[in-house]
Amino acid sequence: RNLPAFLIMPIQRVPRYEMLLRELLKYTWPDHPDYQPLTTAFERVKEAAVYINDRRREAENIRRVLQIQETFKGKHNFAQP
């Protein structure tokens, strides 16, 4: 594997954890002692997934703006880092 493949691996784990926790909750009774901690864990992992997706989308948008900026001739700077 190359470096980008290894760098993306932690990001790919978050959705897997979310699916695992969702399945565990599906088969855990609400009165079970683990139900509330599982619910909390699921919500936190879901929040982390949303945060990661938002940051990824933001980085992609910045990359697109910079690509567009490079197509213009001259020293115009439309996007500040």
N, C-alpha and C. Protein backbone atom coordinates (compact mmCIF):
# COMPACT_ATOMS: atom_id res chain seq x y z
N ARG A 1 0.84 -1.20 0.00
CA ARG A 1 0.00 0.00 0.00
C ARG A 1 0.87 1.24 0.00
N ASN A 2 0.31 2.30 -0.55
CA ASN A 2 1.05 3.56 -0.57
C ASN A 2 0.64 4.43 0.63
N LEU A 3 1.32 5.53 0.82
CA LEU A 3 1.08 6.40 1.97
C LEU A 3 -0.35 6.91 2.06
N PRO A 4 -0.94 7.43 0.96
CA PRO A 4 -2.33 7.89 1.08
C PRO A 4 -3.30 6.80 1.54
N ALA A 5 -3.05 5.56 1.14
CA ALA A 5 -3.92 4.45 1.58
C ALA A 5 -3.82 4.26 3.09
N PHE A 6 -2.62 4.38 3.64
CA PHE A 6 -2.46 4.26 5.08
C PHE A 6 -3.04 5.46 5.82
N LEU A 7 -2.93 6.64 5.24
CA LEU A 7 -3.43 7.85 5.91
C LEU A 7 -4.95 7.88 5.99
N ILE A 8 -5.61 7.27 5.04
CA ILE A 8 -7.08 7.28 5.03
C ILE A 8 -7.67 6.22 5.96
N MET A 9 -6.88 5.24 6.36
CA MET A 9 -7.41 4.15 7.17
C MET A 9 -8.08 4.59 8.47
N PRO A 10 -7.51 5.50 9.27
CA PRO A 10 -8.22 5.93 10.48
C PRO A 10 -9.56 6.59 10.19
N ILE A 11 -9.64 7.31 9.09
CA ILE A 11 -10.89 7.98 8.72
C ILE A 11 -11.94 6.94 8.32
N GLN A 12 -11.51 5.86 7.71
CA GLN A 12 -12.45 4.81 7.30
C GLN A 12 -12.96 4.00 8.49
N ARG A 13 -12.25 4.03 9.59
CA ARG A 13 -12.68 3.26 10.75
C ARG A 13 -13.90 3.87 11.43
N VAL A 14 -14.01 5.17 11.40
CA VAL A 14 -15.11 5.84 12.10
C VAL A 14 -16.47 5.35 11.60
N PRO A 15 -16.73 5.31 10.29
CA PRO A 15 -18.02 4.78 9.83
C PRO A 15 -18.24 3.31 10.22
N ARG A 16 -17.15 2.55 10.26
CA ARG A 16 -17.29 1.14 10.68
C ARG A 16 -17.71 1.06 12.14
N TYR A 17 -17.11 1.90 12.98
CA TYR A 17 -17.50 1.91 14.40
C TYR A 17 -18.96 2.34 14.54
N GLU A 18 -19.36 3.31 13.73
CA GLU A 18 -20.75 3.77 13.78
C GLU A 18 -21.70 2.63 13.43
N MET A 19 -21.38 1.88 12.38
CA MET A 19 -22.24 0.75 11.98
C MET A 19 -22.25 -0.34 13.06
N LEU A 20 -21.09 -0.62 13.64
CA LEU A 20 -21.01 -1.63 14.69
C LEU A 20 -21.86 -1.24 15.89
N LEU A 21 -21.74 0.00 16.33
CA LEU A 21 -22.52 0.46 17.49
C LEU A 21 -24.02 0.47 17.18
N ARG A 22 -24.37 0.84 15.96
CA ARG A 22 -25.79 0.83 15.56
C ARG A 22 -26.35 -0.59 15.66
N GLU A 23 -25.59 -1.56 15.17
CA GLU A 23 -26.03 -2.96 15.24
C GLU A 23 -26.11 -3.44 16.69
N LEU A 24 -25.12 -3.09 17.50
CA LEU A 24 -25.16 -3.48 18.91
C LEU A 24 -26.40 -2.91 19.60
N LEU A 25 -26.71 -1.65 19.31
CA LEU A 25 -27.89 -1.03 19.91
C LEU A 25 -29.17 -1.72 19.45
N LYS A 26 -29.19 -2.14 18.21
CA LYS A 26 -30.38 -2.80 17.67
C LYS A 26 -30.71 -4.08 18.46
N TYR A 27 -29.67 -4.77 18.94
CA TYR A 27 -29.88 -6.04 19.63
C TYR A 27 -29.69 -5.95 21.14
N THR A 28 -29.63 -4.73 21.66
CA THR A 28 -29.48 -4.54 23.11
C THR A 28 -30.80 -4.00 23.67
N TRP A 29 -31.30 -4.62 24.70
CA TRP A 29 -32.54 -4.17 25.32
C TRP A 29 -32.34 -2.83 25.99
N PRO A 30 -33.33 -1.95 25.94
CA PRO A 30 -33.21 -0.64 26.58
C PRO A 30 -32.96 -0.69 28.08
N ASP A 31 -33.37 -1.77 28.75
CA ASP A 31 -33.14 -1.85 30.20
C ASP A 31 -31.81 -2.55 30.54
N HIS A 32 -31.06 -2.92 29.52
CA HIS A 32 -29.75 -3.55 29.74
C HIS A 32 -28.75 -2.50 30.26
N PRO A 33 -27.88 -2.86 31.19
CA PRO A 33 -26.93 -1.88 31.76
C PRO A 33 -25.99 -1.26 30.73
N ASP A 34 -25.76 -1.93 29.61
CA ASP A 34 -24.85 -1.39 28.59
C ASP A 34 -25.55 -0.49 27.57
N TYR A 35 -26.88 -0.43 27.64
CA TYR A 35 -27.62 0.31 26.62
C TYR A 35 -27.26 1.80 26.61
N GLN A 36 -27.26 2.44 27.76
CA GLN A 36 -26.96 3.87 27.82
C GLN A 36 -25.51 4.18 27.38
N PRO A 37 -24.51 3.44 27.87
CA PRO A 37 -23.15 3.70 27.38
C PRO A 37 -23.00 3.46 25.88
N LEU A 38 -23.70 2.45 25.34
CA LEU A 38 -23.66 2.22 23.90
C LEU A 38 -24.29 3.37 23.14
N THR A 39 -25.40 3.89 23.68
CA THR A 39 -26.07 5.02 23.04
C THR A 39 -25.15 6.24 23.03
N THR A 40 -24.50 6.49 24.15
CA THR A 40 -23.57 7.62 24.24
C THR A 40 -22.41 7.45 23.26
N ALA A 41 -21.85 6.25 23.22
CA ALA A 41 -20.75 5.98 22.30
C ALA A 41 -21.18 6.16 20.85
N PHE A 42 -22.37 5.67 20.52
CA PHE A 42 -22.88 5.82 19.16
C PHE A 42 -23.04 7.29 18.79
N GLU A 43 -23.61 8.08 19.67
CA GLU A 43 -23.79 9.50 19.39
C GLU A 43 -22.45 10.21 19.19
N ARG A 44 -21.48 9.89 20.01
CA ARG A 44 -20.16 10.53 19.89
C ARG A 44 -19.44 10.13 18.61
N VAL A 45 -19.55 8.87 18.24
CA VAL A 45 -18.92 8.42 17.00
C VAL A 45 -19.62 9.07 15.81
N LYS A 46 -20.95 9.19 15.89
CA LYS A 46 -21.70 9.84 14.81
C LYS A 46 -21.29 11.31 14.68
N GLU A 47 -21.11 11.99 15.80
CA GLU A 47 -20.65 13.38 15.78
C GLU A 47 -19.26 13.48 15.16
N ALA A 48 -18.39 12.54 15.51
CA ALA A 48 -17.04 12.54 14.94
C ALA A 48 -17.09 12.33 13.43
N ALA A 49 -17.97 11.46 12.97
CA ALA A 49 -18.10 11.20 11.54
C ALA A 49 -18.58 12.46 10.81
N VAL A 50 -19.54 13.16 11.38
CA VAL A 50 -20.02 14.40 10.77
C VAL A 50 -18.90 15.43 10.72
N TYR A 51 -18.16 15.56 11.81
CA TYR A 51 -17.04 16.51 11.87
C TYR A 51 -15.99 16.18 10.80
N ILE A 52 -15.62 14.91 10.70
CA ILE A 52 -14.62 14.51 9.71
C ILE A 52 -15.12 14.79 8.30
N ASN A 53 -16.37 14.46 8.01
CA ASN A 53 -16.93 14.71 6.68
C ASN A 53 -16.97 16.19 6.35
N ASP A 54 -17.32 17.01 7.34
CA ASP A 54 -17.34 18.46 7.12
C ASP A 54 -15.95 19.00 6.81
N ARG A 55 -14.95 18.55 7.57
CA ARG A 55 -13.57 19.01 7.34
C ARG A 55 -13.04 18.53 6.00
N ARG A 56 -13.40 17.29 5.63
CA ARG A 56 -12.98 16.77 4.33
C ARG A 56 -13.59 17.57 3.19
N ARG A 57 -14.86 17.88 3.31
CA ARG A 57 -15.56 18.67 2.29
C ARG A 57 -14.95 20.07 2.20
N GLU A 58 -14.64 20.65 3.35
CA GLU A 58 -14.02 21.97 3.38
C GLU A 58 -12.65 21.94 2.70
N ALA A 59 -11.85 20.93 2.98
CA ALA A 59 -10.53 20.81 2.35
C ALA A 59 -10.66 20.63 0.84
N GLU A 60 -11.64 19.84 0.42
CA GLU A 60 -11.86 19.64 -1.01
C GLU A 60 -12.27 20.94 -1.69
N ASN A 61 -13.12 21.72 -1.04
CA ASN A 61 -13.53 23.01 -1.61
C ASN A 61 -12.35 23.97 -1.72
N ILE A 62 -11.50 23.99 -0.72
CA ILE A 62 -10.31 24.84 -0.76
C ILE A 62 -9.40 24.41 -1.90
N ARG A 63 -9.24 23.10 -2.04
CA ARG A 63 -8.40 22.58 -3.13
C ARG A 63 -8.95 22.99 -4.49
N ARG A 64 -10.27 22.93 -4.65
CA ARG A 64 -10.89 23.35 -5.92
C ARG A 64 -10.67 24.82 -6.19
N VAL A 65 -10.83 25.65 -5.18
CA VAL A 65 -10.63 27.10 -5.35
C VAL A 65 -9.18 27.37 -5.76
N LEU A 66 -8.25 26.69 -5.13
CA LEU A 66 -6.84 26.88 -5.47
C LEU A 66 -6.55 26.41 -6.89
N GLN A 67 -7.18 25.32 -7.32
CA GLN A 67 -7.00 24.87 -8.71
C GLN A 67 -7.54 25.89 -9.69
N ILE A 68 -8.70 26.46 -9.39
CA ILE A 68 -9.27 27.48 -10.26
C ILE A 68 -8.37 28.70 -10.29
N GLN A 69 -7.86 29.08 -9.13
CA GLN A 69 -6.99 30.25 -9.03
C GLN A 69 -5.74 30.07 -9.90
N GLU A 70 -5.21 28.86 -9.95
CA GLU A 70 -4.01 28.61 -10.73
C GLU A 70 -4.25 28.75 -12.22
N THR A 71 -5.50 28.63 -12.67
CA THR A 71 -5.78 28.76 -14.10
C THR A 71 -5.72 30.21 -14.57
N PHE A 72 -5.83 31.15 -13.65
CA PHE A 72 -5.77 32.55 -14.03
C PHE A 72 -4.32 32.98 -14.19
N LYS A 73 -4.08 33.80 -15.17
CA LYS A 73 -2.74 34.32 -15.39
C LYS A 73 -2.50 35.49 -14.44
N GLY A 74 -1.26 35.75 -14.14
CA GLY A 74 -0.94 36.89 -13.29
C GLY A 74 -0.83 36.50 -11.84
N LYS A 75 -0.83 37.50 -11.00
CA LYS A 75 -0.59 37.29 -9.57
C LYS A 75 -1.86 37.48 -8.74
N HIS A 76 -3.00 37.17 -9.31
CA HIS A 76 -4.24 37.31 -8.56
C HIS A 76 -4.29 36.25 -7.48
N ASN A 77 -4.74 36.65 -6.30
CA ASN A 77 -4.88 35.70 -5.20
C ASN A 77 -6.31 35.79 -4.67
N PHE A 78 -7.13 34.83 -5.07
CA PHE A 78 -8.53 34.84 -4.69
C PHE A 78 -8.80 34.11 -3.37
N ALA A 79 -7.85 33.31 -2.98
CA ALA A 79 -8.05 32.51 -1.74
C ALA A 79 -6.83 32.65 -0.86
N GLN A 80 -7.04 33.16 0.33
CA GLN A 80 -5.97 33.24 1.30
C GLN A 80 -5.95 31.96 2.11
N PRO A 81 -4.76 31.40 2.37
CA PRO A 81 -4.71 30.16 3.18
C PRO A 81 -5.21 30.41 4.58
